[in-house]
Amino acid sequence: MAAIGGFVDGSRTSQVVTLEMKDGAGSVSGEMCEGTGMPARAGHSVVECKSDYWVFGGQDDDNNKLNDIWKYTTASKSWSKVTPKEGSPMPTPRCGHTAVQSGS
């Protein structure tokens, strides 16, 4: 499980914080990704798929709503921006929404 982005001490962040559960007890580790990938944001949605995390939308530091898509690859601990195929429809910019992952 991971917490990605949001507000930390009043500022938006792109920090990735992971939580591992072992024998009913939690272990927390953090990975700072600011400046090395996805821009800081809050109000976005995140889904996990095959151990990686996909982020959509949210709101930046200037309160602009976003409609970009980012993938956090856990194996390499790196961000990549996802570019939809040319001609594919993009959702309108939004924040405060929910996303779900279906299928495998």
PDB file of N, CA and C in Angstrom:
ATOM      1  N   MET A   1       0.848  -1.167   0.000  1.00  0.00           N
ATOM      2  CA  MET A   1       0.000   0.000   0.000  1.00  0.00           C
ATOM      3  C   MET A   1       0.893   1.229   0.000  1.00  0.00           C
ATOM      4  N   ALA A   2       0.422   2.286  -0.629  1.00  0.00           N
ATOM      5  CA  ALA A   2       1.218   3.512  -0.703  1.00  0.00           C
ATOM      6  C   ALA A   2       0.336   4.744  -0.583  1.00  0.00           C
ATOM      7  N   ALA A   3       0.923   5.801  -0.062  1.00  0.00           N
ATOM      8  CA  ALA A   3       0.328   7.132  -0.100  1.00  0.00           C
ATOM      9  C   ALA A   3       1.195   7.944  -1.055  1.00  0.00           C
ATOM     10  N   ILE A   4       0.555   8.574  -2.042  1.00  0.00           N
ATOM     11  CA  ILE A   4       1.299   9.296  -3.067  1.00  0.00           C
ATOM     12  C   ILE A   4       0.752  10.704  -3.166  1.00  0.00           C
ATOM     13  N   GLY A   5       1.644  11.687  -3.035  1.00  0.00           N
ATOM     14  CA  GLY A   5       1.260  13.080  -3.172  1.00  0.00           C
ATOM     15  C   GLY A   5       0.375  13.557  -2.039  1.00  0.00           C
ATOM     16  N   GLY A   6      -0.336  14.648  -2.289  1.00  0.00           N
ATOM     17  CA  GLY A   6      -1.209  15.233  -1.281  1.00  0.00           C
ATOM     18  C   GLY A   6      -0.564  16.440  -0.636  1.00  0.00           C
ATOM     19  N   PHE A   7      -1.105  16.850   0.520  1.00  0.00           N
ATOM     20  CA  PHE A   7      -0.578  17.986   1.271  1.00  0.00           C
ATOM     21  C   PHE A   7       0.315  17.490   2.402  1.00  0.00           C
ATOM     22  N   VAL A   8       1.481  18.100   2.528  1.00  0.00           N
ATOM     23  CA  VAL A   8       2.385  17.849   3.651  1.00  0.00           C
ATOM     24  C   VAL A   8       2.796  19.214   4.181  1.00  0.00           C
ATOM     25  N   ASP A   9       2.462  19.493   5.421  1.00  0.00           N
ATOM     26  CA  ASP A   9       2.781  20.788   6.051  1.00  0.00           C
ATOM     27  C   ASP A   9       2.306  21.965   5.197  1.00  0.00           C
ATOM     28  N   GLY A  10       1.121  21.844   4.580  1.00  0.00           N
ATOM     29  CA  GLY A  10       0.522  22.938   3.836  1.00  0.00           C
ATOM     30  C   GLY A  10       0.956  23.086   2.390  1.00  0.00           C
ATOM     31  N   SER A  11       1.857  22.230   1.921  1.00  0.00           N
ATOM     32  CA  SER A  11       2.307  22.288   0.530  1.00  0.00           C
ATOM     33  C   SER A  11       2.008  20.974  -0.167  1.00  0.00           C
ATOM     34  N   ARG A  12       1.752  21.043  -1.464  1.00  0.00           N
ATOM     35  CA  ARG A  12       1.537  19.817  -2.235  1.00  0.00           C
ATOM     36  C   ARG A  12       2.868  19.102  -2.412  1.00  0.00           C
ATOM     37  N   THR A  13       2.801  17.780  -2.574  1.00  0.00           N
ATOM     38  CA  THR A  13       4.007  16.981  -2.683  1.00  0.00           C
ATOM     39  C   THR A  13       3.812  15.880  -3.716  1.00  0.00           C
ATOM     40  N   SER A  14       4.901  15.273  -4.136  1.00  0.00           N
ATOM     41  CA  SER A  14       4.846  14.077  -4.976  1.00  0.00           C
ATOM     42  C   SER A  14       5.518  12.910  -4.241  1.00  0.00           C
ATOM     43  N   GLN A  15       5.657  13.056  -2.955  1.00  0.00           N
ATOM     44  CA  GLN A  15       6.293  12.029  -2.126  1.00  0.00           C
ATOM     45  C   GLN A  15       5.536  10.705  -2.215  1.00  0.00           C
ATOM     46  N   VAL A  16       6.295   9.621  -2.235  1.00  0.00           N
ATOM     47  CA  VAL A  16       5.728   8.279  -2.177  1.00  0.00           C
ATOM     48  C   VAL A  16       6.082   7.694  -0.818  1.00  0.00           C
ATOM     49  N   VAL A  17       5.066   7.282  -0.057  1.00  0.00           N
ATOM     50  CA  VAL A  17       5.283   6.642   1.238  1.00  0.00           C
ATOM     51  C   VAL A  17       4.624   5.271   1.177  1.00  0.00           C
ATOM     52  N   THR A  18       5.392   4.235   1.438  1.00  0.00           N
ATOM     53  CA  THR A  18       4.857   2.877   1.353  1.00  0.00           C
ATOM     54  C   THR A  18       4.664   2.288   2.742  1.00  0.00           C
ATOM     55  N   LEU A  19       3.693   1.401   2.860  1.00  0.00           N
ATOM     56  CA  LEU A  19       3.385   0.715   4.112  1.00  0.00           C
ATOM     57  C   LEU A  19       3.385  -0.776   3.836  1.00  0.00           C
ATOM     58  N   GLU A  20       4.225  -1.488   4.541  1.00  0.00           N
ATOM     59  CA  GLU A  20       4.279  -2.944   4.422  1.00  0.00           C
ATOM     60  C   GLU A  20       3.693  -3.564   5.671  1.00  0.00           C
ATOM     61  N   MET A  21       2.816  -4.525   5.495  1.00  0.00           N
ATOM     62  CA  MET A  21       2.230  -5.231   6.632  1.00  0.00           C
ATOM     63  C   MET A  21       2.887  -6.602   6.757  1.00  0.00           C
ATOM     64  N   LYS A  22       3.472  -6.869   7.917  1.00  0.00           N
ATOM     65  CA  LYS A  22       4.093  -8.160   8.198  1.00  0.00           C
ATOM     66  C   LYS A  22       3.621  -8.642   9.551  1.00  0.00           C
ATOM     67  N   ASP A  23       3.022  -9.817   9.580  1.00  0.00           N
ATOM     68  CA  ASP A  23       2.538 -10.418  10.827  1.00  0.00           C
ATOM     69  C   ASP A  23       1.635  -9.474  11.609  1.00  0.00           C
ATOM     70  N   GLY A  24       0.796  -8.724  10.901  1.00  0.00           N
ATOM     71  CA  GLY A  24      -0.171  -7.852  11.555  1.00  0.00           C
ATOM     72  C   GLY A  24       0.390  -6.521  12.014  1.00  0.00           C
ATOM     73  N   ALA A  25       1.693  -6.292  11.852  1.00  0.00           N
ATOM     74  CA  ALA A  25       2.305  -5.033  12.268  1.00  0.00           C
ATOM     75  C   ALA A  25       2.735  -4.263  11.028  1.00  0.00           C
ATOM     76  N   GLY A  26       2.644  -2.959  11.077  1.00  0.00           N
ATOM     77  CA  GLY A  26       2.992  -2.136   9.919  1.00  0.00           C
ATOM     78  C   GLY A  26       4.410  -1.629   9.980  1.00  0.00           C
ATOM     79  N   SER A  27       5.030  -1.530   8.825  1.00  0.00           N
ATOM     80  CA  SER A  27       6.359  -0.967   8.680  1.00  0.00           C
ATOM     81  C   SER A  27       6.256   0.117   7.611  1.00  0.00           C
ATOM     82  N   VAL A  28       6.671   1.340   7.912  1.00  0.00           N
ATOM     83  CA  VAL A  28       6.525   2.452   6.982  1.00  0.00           C
ATOM     84  C   VAL A  28       7.892   2.838   6.429  1.00  0.00           C
ATOM     85  N   SER A  29       7.948   3.046   5.117  1.00  0.00           N
ATOM     86  CA  SER A  29       9.163   3.564   4.501  1.00  0.00           C
ATOM     87  C   SER A  29       8.766   4.659   3.530  1.00  0.00           C
ATOM     88  N   GLY A  30       9.619   5.632   3.347  1.00  0.00           N
ATOM     89  CA  GLY A  30       9.304   6.732   2.452  1.00  0.00           C
ATOM     90  C   GLY A  30      10.306   6.838   1.328  1.00  0.00           C
ATOM     91  N   GLU A  31       9.844   7.289   0.176  1.00  0.00           N
ATOM     92  CA  GLU A  31      10.699   7.506  -0.976  1.00  0.00           C
ATOM     93  C   GLU A  31      10.386   8.901  -1.494  1.00  0.00           C
ATOM     94  N   MET A  32      11.352   9.784  -1.460  1.00  0.00           N
ATOM     95  CA  MET A  32      11.131  11.137  -1.947  1.00  0.00           C
ATOM     96  C   MET A  32      11.343  11.179  -3.452  1.00  0.00           C
ATOM     97  N   CYS A  33      10.344  11.644  -4.166  1.00  0.00           N
ATOM     98  CA  CYS A  33      10.414  11.674  -5.622  1.00  0.00           C
ATOM     99  C   CYS A  33      10.249  13.077  -6.165  1.00  0.00           C
ATOM    100  N   GLU A  34      10.163  14.069  -5.309  1.00  0.00           N
ATOM    101  CA  GLU A  34       9.932  15.426  -5.782  1.00  0.00           C
ATOM    102  C   GLU A  34      11.129  15.901  -6.612  1.00  0.00           C
ATOM    103  N   GLY A  35      10.828  16.548  -7.713  1.00  0.00           N
ATOM    104  CA  GLY A  35      11.880  17.054  -8.581  1.00  0.00           C
ATOM    105  C   GLY A  35      12.455  15.998  -9.502  1.00  0.00           C
ATOM    106  N   THR A  36      12.047  14.755  -9.363  1.00  0.00           N
ATOM    107  CA  THR A  36      12.600  13.694 -10.194  1.00  0.00           C
ATOM    108  C   THR A  36      11.520  12.973 -10.989  1.00  0.00           C
ATOM    109  N   GLY A  37      10.333  13.528 -11.020  1.00  0.00           N
ATOM    110  CA  GLY A  37       9.276  12.835 -11.737  1.00  0.00           C
ATOM    111  C   GLY A  37       7.988  13.623 -11.726  1.00  0.00           C
ATOM    112  N   MET A  38       6.947  12.991 -11.267  1.00  0.00           N
ATOM    113  CA  MET A  38       5.622  13.597 -11.270  1.00  0.00           C
ATOM    114  C   MET A  38       5.624  14.914 -10.494  1.00  0.00           C
ATOM    115  N   PRO A  39       5.039  15.976 -11.079  1.00  0.00           N
ATOM    116  CA  PRO A  39       4.921  17.232 -10.342  1.00  0.00           C
ATOM    117  C   PRO A  39       4.027  17.065  -9.106  1.00  0.00           C
ATOM    118  N   ALA A  40       4.296  17.856  -8.089  1.00  0.00           N
ATOM    119  CA  ALA A  40       3.515  17.812  -6.849  1.00  0.00           C
ATOM    120  C   ALA A  40       2.057  18.099  -7.141  1.00  0.00           C
ATOM    121  N   ARG A  41       1.159  17.443  -6.361  1.00  0.00           N
ATOM    122  CA  ARG A  41      -0.284  17.605  -6.564  1.00  0.00           C
ATOM    123  C   ARG A  41      -1.048  17.088  -5.362  1.00  0.00           C
ATOM    124  N   ALA A  42      -2.316  17.455  -5.298  1.00  0.00           N
ATOM    125  CA  ALA A  42      -3.244  16.938  -4.296  1.00  0.00           C
ATOM    126  C   ALA A  42      -4.587  16.747  -4.990  1.00  0.00           C
ATOM    127  N   GLY A  43      -5.469  15.968  -4.385  1.00  0.00           N
ATOM    128  CA  GLY A  43      -6.798  15.754  -4.931  1.00  0.00           C
ATOM    129  C   GLY A  43      -6.828  14.844  -6.139  1.00  0.00           C
ATOM    130  N   HIS A  44      -5.778  14.081  -6.368  1.00  0.00           N
ATOM    131  CA  HIS A  44      -5.670  13.173  -7.503  1.00  0.00           C
ATOM    132  C   HIS A  44      -6.189  11.783  -7.126  1.00  0.00           C
ATOM    133  N   SER A  45      -6.200  10.882  -8.093  1.00  0.00           N
ATOM    134  CA  SER A  45      -6.555   9.492  -7.801  1.00  0.00           C
ATOM    135  C   SER A  45      -5.359   8.606  -8.126  1.00  0.00           C
ATOM    136  N   VAL A  46      -5.281   7.482  -7.422  1.00  0.00           N
ATOM    137  CA  VAL A  46      -4.192   6.518  -7.608  1.00  0.00           C
ATOM    138  C   VAL A  46      -4.790   5.121  -7.634  1.00  0.00           C
ATOM    139  N   VAL A  47      -4.308   4.292  -8.559  1.00  0.00           N
ATOM    140  CA  VAL A  47      -4.660   2.878  -8.556  1.00  0.00           C
ATOM    141  C   VAL A  47      -3.368   2.066  -8.635  1.00  0.00           C
ATOM    142  N   GLU A  48      -3.411   0.868  -8.061  1.00  0.00           N
ATOM    143  CA  GLU A  48      -2.280  -0.045  -8.126  1.00  0.00           C
ATOM    144  C   GLU A  48      -2.592  -1.115  -9.161  1.00  0.00           C
ATOM    145  N   CYS A  49      -1.622  -1.410 -10.008  1.00  0.00           N
ATOM    146  CA  CYS A  49      -1.767  -2.457 -11.013  1.00  0.00           C
ATOM    147  C   CYS A  49      -0.424  -3.154 -11.178  1.00  0.00           C
ATOM    148  N   LYS A  50      -0.398  -4.435 -10.870  1.00  0.00           N
ATOM    149  CA  LYS A  50       0.839  -5.235 -10.999  1.00  0.00           C
ATOM    150  C   LYS A  50       2.004  -4.588 -10.260  1.00  0.00           C
ATOM    151  N   SER A  51       1.776  -4.178  -9.033  1.00  0.00           N
ATOM    152  CA  SER A  51       2.783  -3.595  -8.132  1.00  0.00           C
ATOM    153  C   SER A  51       3.228  -2.187  -8.499  1.00  0.00           C
ATOM    154  N   ASP A  52       2.699  -1.614  -9.561  1.00  0.00           N
ATOM    155  CA  ASP A  52       3.015  -0.241  -9.910  1.00  0.00           C
ATOM    156  C   ASP A  52       1.807   0.639  -9.598  1.00  0.00           C
ATOM    157  N   TYR A  53       2.026   1.943  -9.523  1.00  0.00           N
ATOM    158  CA  TYR A  53       0.962   2.886  -9.176  1.00  0.00           C
ATOM    159  C   TYR A  53       0.732   3.854 -10.332  1.00  0.00           C
ATOM    160  N   TRP A  54      -0.536   4.066 -10.660  1.00  0.00           N
ATOM    161  CA  TRP A  54      -0.949   4.973 -11.727  1.00  0.00           C
ATOM    162  C   TRP A  54      -1.696   6.149 -11.098  1.00  0.00           C
ATOM    163  N   VAL A  55      -1.294   7.365 -11.459  1.00  0.00           N
ATOM    164  CA  VAL A  55      -1.857   8.586 -10.891  1.00  0.00           C
ATOM    165  C   VAL A  55      -2.539   9.369 -12.003  1.00  0.00           C
ATOM    166  N   PHE A  56      -3.745   9.861 -11.711  1.00  0.00           N
ATOM    167  CA  PHE A  56      -4.457  10.698 -12.673  1.00  0.00           C
ATOM    168  C   PHE A  56      -4.916  11.991 -12.017  1.00  0.00           C
ATOM    169  N   GLY A  57      -4.699  13.101 -12.729  1.00  0.00           N
ATOM    170  CA  GLY A  57      -5.275  14.392 -12.378  1.00  0.00           C
ATOM    171  C   GLY A  57      -4.820  14.961 -11.053  1.00  0.00           C
ATOM    172  N   GLY A  58      -5.725  15.716 -10.443  1.00  0.00           N
ATOM    173  CA  GLY A  58      -5.434  16.408  -9.193  1.00  0.00           C
ATOM    174  C   GLY A  58      -5.365  17.902  -9.418  1.00  0.00           C
ATOM    175  N   GLN A  59      -4.682  18.571  -8.500  1.00  0.00           N
ATOM    176  CA  GLN A  59      -4.584  20.024  -8.533  1.00  0.00           C
ATOM    177  C   GLN A  59      -3.156  20.424  -8.175  1.00  0.00           C
ATOM    178  N   ASP A  60      -2.571  21.347  -8.958  1.00  0.00           N
ATOM    179  CA  ASP A  60      -1.192  21.760  -8.705  1.00  0.00           C
ATOM    180  C   ASP A  60      -1.132  22.914  -7.694  1.00  0.00           C
ATOM    181  N   ASP A  61       0.076  23.435  -7.464  1.00  0.00           N
ATOM    182  CA  ASP A  61       0.268  24.495  -6.468  1.00  0.00           C
ATOM    183  C   ASP A  61      -0.454  25.789  -6.812  1.00  0.00           C
ATOM    184  N   ASP A  62      -0.773  25.993  -8.092  1.00  0.00           N
ATOM    185  CA  ASP A  62      -1.505  27.200  -8.506  1.00  0.00           C
ATOM    186  C   ASP A  62      -3.007  26.936  -8.585  1.00  0.00           C
ATOM    187  N   ASN A  63      -3.454  25.805  -8.026  1.00  0.00           N
ATOM    188  CA  ASN A  63      -4.864  25.387  -8.009  1.00  0.00           C
ATOM    189  C   ASN A  63      -5.433  25.086  -9.392  1.00  0.00           C
ATOM    190  N   ASN A  64      -4.554  24.809 -10.361  1.00  0.00           N
ATOM    191  CA  ASN A  64      -5.010  24.368 -11.677  1.00  0.00           C
ATOM    192  C   ASN A  64      -5.371  22.892 -11.605  1.00  0.00           C
ATOM    193  N   LYS A  65      -6.529  22.540 -12.156  1.00  0.00           N
ATOM    194  CA  LYS A  65      -6.908  21.125 -12.220  1.00  0.00           C
ATOM    195  C   LYS A  65      -6.123  20.469 -13.350  1.00  0.00           C
ATOM    196  N   LEU A  66      -5.718  19.207 -13.131  1.00  0.00           N
ATOM    197  CA  LEU A  66      -4.839  18.494 -14.049  1.00  0.00           C
ATOM    198  C   LEU A  66      -5.557  17.315 -14.697  1.00  0.00           C
ATOM    199  N   ASN A  67      -5.083  16.902 -15.866  1.00  0.00           N
ATOM    200  CA  ASN A  67      -5.598  15.683 -16.488  1.00  0.00           C
ATOM    201  C   ASN A  67      -4.454  14.821 -17.029  1.00  0.00           C
ATOM    202  N   ASP A  68      -3.274  14.949 -16.410  1.00  0.00           N
ATOM    203  CA  ASP A  68      -2.146  14.135 -16.838  1.00  0.00           C
ATOM    204  C   ASP A  68      -2.161  12.777 -16.131  1.00  0.00           C
ATOM    205  N   ILE A  69      -1.419  11.840 -16.706  1.00  0.00           N
ATOM    206  CA  ILE A  69      -1.335  10.476 -16.176  1.00  0.00           C
ATOM    207  C   ILE A  69       0.137  10.150 -15.935  1.00  0.00           C
ATOM    208  N   TRP A  70       0.429   9.608 -14.746  1.00  0.00           N
ATOM    209  CA  TRP A  70       1.802   9.242 -14.377  1.00  0.00           C
ATOM    210  C   TRP A  70       1.827   7.809 -13.861  1.00  0.00           C
ATOM    211  N   LYS A  71       2.931   7.129 -14.087  1.00  0.00           N
ATOM    212  CA  LYS A  71       3.122   5.765 -13.586  1.00  0.00           C
ATOM    213  C   LYS A  71       4.360   5.745 -12.697  1.00  0.00           C
ATOM    214  N   TYR A  72       4.196   5.207 -11.486  1.00  0.00           N
ATOM    215  CA  TYR A  72       5.327   5.014 -10.578  1.00  0.00           C
ATOM    216  C   TYR A  72       5.683   3.534 -10.610  1.00  0.00           C
ATOM    217  N   THR A  73       6.861   3.221 -11.116  1.00  0.00           N
ATOM    218  CA  THR A  73       7.328   1.836 -11.217  1.00  0.00           C
ATOM    219  C   THR A  73       8.075   1.493  -9.936  1.00  0.00           C
ATOM    220  N   THR A  74       7.514   0.572  -9.159  1.00  0.00           N
ATOM    221  CA  THR A  74       8.103   0.267  -7.853  1.00  0.00           C
ATOM    222  C   THR A  74       9.467  -0.410  -7.974  1.00  0.00           C
ATOM    223  N   ALA A  75       9.666  -1.236  -8.997  1.00  0.00           N
ATOM    224  CA  ALA A  75      10.944  -1.952  -9.136  1.00  0.00           C
ATOM    225  C   ALA A  75      12.111  -0.979  -9.309  1.00  0.00           C
ATOM    226  N   SER A  76      11.923   0.074 -10.100  1.00  0.00           N
ATOM    227  CA  SER A  76      13.000   1.036 -10.344  1.00  0.00           C
ATOM    228  C   SER A  76      12.854   2.309  -9.516  1.00  0.00           C
ATOM    229  N   LYS A  77      11.737   2.414  -8.768  1.00  0.00           N
ATOM    230  CA  LYS A  77      11.443   3.600  -7.964  1.00  0.00           C
ATOM    231  C   LYS A  77      11.535   4.860  -8.810  1.00  0.00           C
ATOM    232  N   SER A  78      10.838   4.804  -9.963  1.00  0.00           N
ATOM    233  CA  SER A  78      10.910   5.939 -10.880  1.00  0.00           C
ATOM    234  C   SER A  78       9.539   6.268 -11.454  1.00  0.00           C
ATOM    235  N   TRP A  79       9.389   7.534 -11.867  1.00  0.00           N
ATOM    236  CA  TRP A  79       8.165   8.036 -12.473  1.00  0.00           C
ATOM    237  C   TRP A  79       8.325   8.090 -13.981  1.00  0.00           C
ATOM    238  N   SER A  80       7.233   7.872 -14.705  1.00  0.00           N
ATOM    239  CA  SER A  80       7.196   8.128 -16.140  1.00  0.00           C
ATOM    240  C   SER A  80       5.831   8.708 -16.477  1.00  0.00           C
ATOM    241  N   LYS A  81       5.837   9.706 -17.363  1.00  0.00           N
ATOM    242  CA  LYS A  81       4.577  10.298 -17.798  1.00  0.00           C
ATOM    243  C   LYS A  81       3.993   9.393 -18.876  1.00  0.00           C
ATOM    244  N   VAL A  82       2.698   9.136 -18.784  1.00  0.00           N
ATOM    245  CA  VAL A  82       2.007   8.274 -19.731  1.00  0.00           C
ATOM    246  C   VAL A  82       1.358   9.147 -20.792  1.00  0.00           C
ATOM    247  N   THR A  83       1.668   8.855 -22.033  1.00  0.00           N
ATOM    248  CA  THR A  83       1.091   9.598 -23.145  1.00  0.00           C
ATOM    249  C   THR A  83       0.111   8.683 -23.876  1.00  0.00           C
ATOM    250  N   PRO A  84      -1.175   9.017 -23.844  1.00  0.00           N
ATOM    251  CA  PRO A  84      -2.161   8.196 -24.562  1.00  0.00           C
ATOM    252  C   PRO A  84      -1.888   8.198 -26.063  1.00  0.00           C
ATOM    253  N   LYS A  85      -2.364   7.173 -26.740  1.00  0.00           N
ATOM    254  CA  LYS A  85      -2.224   7.099 -28.193  1.00  0.00           C
ATOM    255  C   LYS A  85      -2.857   8.321 -28.832  1.00  0.00           C
ATOM    256  N   GLU A  86      -2.257   8.773 -29.931  1.00  0.00           N
ATOM    257  CA  GLU A  86      -2.785   9.928 -30.641  1.00  0.00           C
ATOM    258  C   GLU A  86      -4.232   9.683 -31.047  1.00  0.00           C
ATOM    259  N   GLY A  87      -5.071  10.657 -30.798  1.00  0.00           N
ATOM    260  CA  GLY A  87      -6.481  10.553 -31.125  1.00  0.00           C
ATOM    261  C   GLY A  87      -7.333   9.964 -30.012  1.00  0.00           C
ATOM    262  N   SER A  88      -6.684   9.450 -28.962  1.00  0.00           N
ATOM    263  CA  SER A  88      -7.445   8.901 -27.833  1.00  0.00           C
ATOM    264  C   SER A  88      -8.053  10.049 -27.034  1.00  0.00           C
ATOM    265  N   PRO A  89      -9.287   9.881 -26.580  1.00  0.00           N
ATOM    266  CA  PRO A  89      -9.892  10.946 -25.773  1.00  0.00           C
ATOM    267  C   PRO A  89      -9.241  11.017 -24.397  1.00  0.00           C
ATOM    268  N   MET A  90      -9.070  12.223 -23.890  1.00  0.00           N
ATOM    269  CA  MET A  90      -8.543  12.428 -22.540  1.00  0.00           C
ATOM    270  C   MET A  90      -9.674  12.941 -21.662  1.00  0.00           C
ATOM    271  N   PRO A  91      -9.743  12.448 -20.438  1.00  0.00           N
ATOM    272  CA  PRO A  91     -10.730  13.011 -19.508  1.00  0.00           C
ATOM    273  C   PRO A  91     -10.434  14.494 -19.289  1.00  0.00           C
ATOM    274  N   THR A  92     -11.453  15.242 -18.947  1.00  0.00           N
ATOM    275  CA  THR A  92     -11.247  16.650 -18.642  1.00  0.00           C
ATOM    276  C   THR A  92     -10.477  16.778 -17.333  1.00  0.00           C
ATOM    277  N   PRO A  93      -9.751  17.883 -17.132  1.00  0.00           N
ATOM    278  CA  PRO A  93      -9.018  18.087 -15.883  1.00  0.00           C
ATOM    279  C   PRO A  93      -9.968  18.021 -14.691  1.00  0.00           C
ATOM    280  N   ARG A  94      -9.492  17.413 -13.598  1.00  0.00           N
ATOM    281  CA  ARG A  94     -10.345  17.279 -12.410  1.00  0.00           C
ATOM    282  C   ARG A  94      -9.501  17.014 -11.171  1.00  0.00           C
ATOM    283  N   CYS A  95     -10.125  17.229 -10.016  1.00  0.00           N
ATOM    284  CA  CYS A  95      -9.512  16.884  -8.734  1.00  0.00           C
ATOM    285  C   CYS A  95     -10.621  16.435  -7.791  1.00  0.00           C
ATOM    286  N   GLY A  96     -10.249  15.751  -6.744  1.00  0.00           N
ATOM    287  CA  GLY A  96     -11.228  15.276  -5.757  1.00  0.00           C
ATOM    288  C   GLY A  96     -12.063  14.128  -6.274  1.00  0.00           C
ATOM    289  N   HIS A  97     -11.572  13.391  -7.224  1.00  0.00           N
ATOM    290  CA  HIS A  97     -12.293  12.287  -7.845  1.00  0.00           C
ATOM    291  C   HIS A  97     -11.778  10.945  -7.341  1.00  0.00           C
ATOM    292  N   THR A  98     -12.362   9.877  -7.820  1.00  0.00           N
ATOM    293  CA  THR A  98     -11.980   8.514  -7.451  1.00  0.00           C
ATOM    294  C   THR A  98     -11.667   7.740  -8.716  1.00  0.00           C
ATOM    295  N   ALA A  99     -10.761   6.796  -8.618  1.00  0.00           N
ATOM    296  CA  ALA A  99     -10.461   5.880  -9.735  1.00  0.00           C
ATOM    297  C   ALA A  99     -10.440   4.458  -9.201  1.00  0.00           C
ATOM    298  N   VAL A 100     -10.763   3.525 -10.054  1.00  0.00           N
ATOM    299  CA  VAL A 100     -10.688   2.109  -9.691  1.00  0.00           C
ATOM    300  C   VAL A 100      -9.955   1.359 -10.796  1.00  0.00           C
ATOM    301  N   GLN A 101      -9.311   0.278 -10.428  1.00  0.00           N
ATOM    302  CA  GLN A 101      -8.634  -0.571 -11.384  1.00  0.00           C
ATOM    303  C   GLN A 101      -9.457  -1.831 -11.519  1.00  0.00           C
ATOM    304  N   SER A 102      -9.785  -2.217 -12.752  1.00  0.00           N
ATOM    305  CA  SER A 102     -10.544  -3.439 -12.953  1.00  0.00           C
ATOM    306  C   SER A 102      -9.767  -4.378 -13.852  1.00  0.00           C
ATOM    307  N   GLY A 103     -10.040  -5.643 -13.760  1.00  0.00           N
ATOM    308  CA  GLY A 103      -9.316  -6.632 -14.552  1.00  0.00           C
ATOM    309  C   GLY A 103      -7.980  -6.952 -13.939  1.00  0.00           C
ATOM    310  N   SER A 104      -7.088  -7.500 -14.753  1.00  0.00           N
ATOM    311  CA  SER A 104      -5.778  -7.900 -14.213  1.00  0.00           C
ATOM    312  C   SER A 104      -4.655  -7.022 -14.670  1.00  0.00           C
TER     313      SER A 104
END
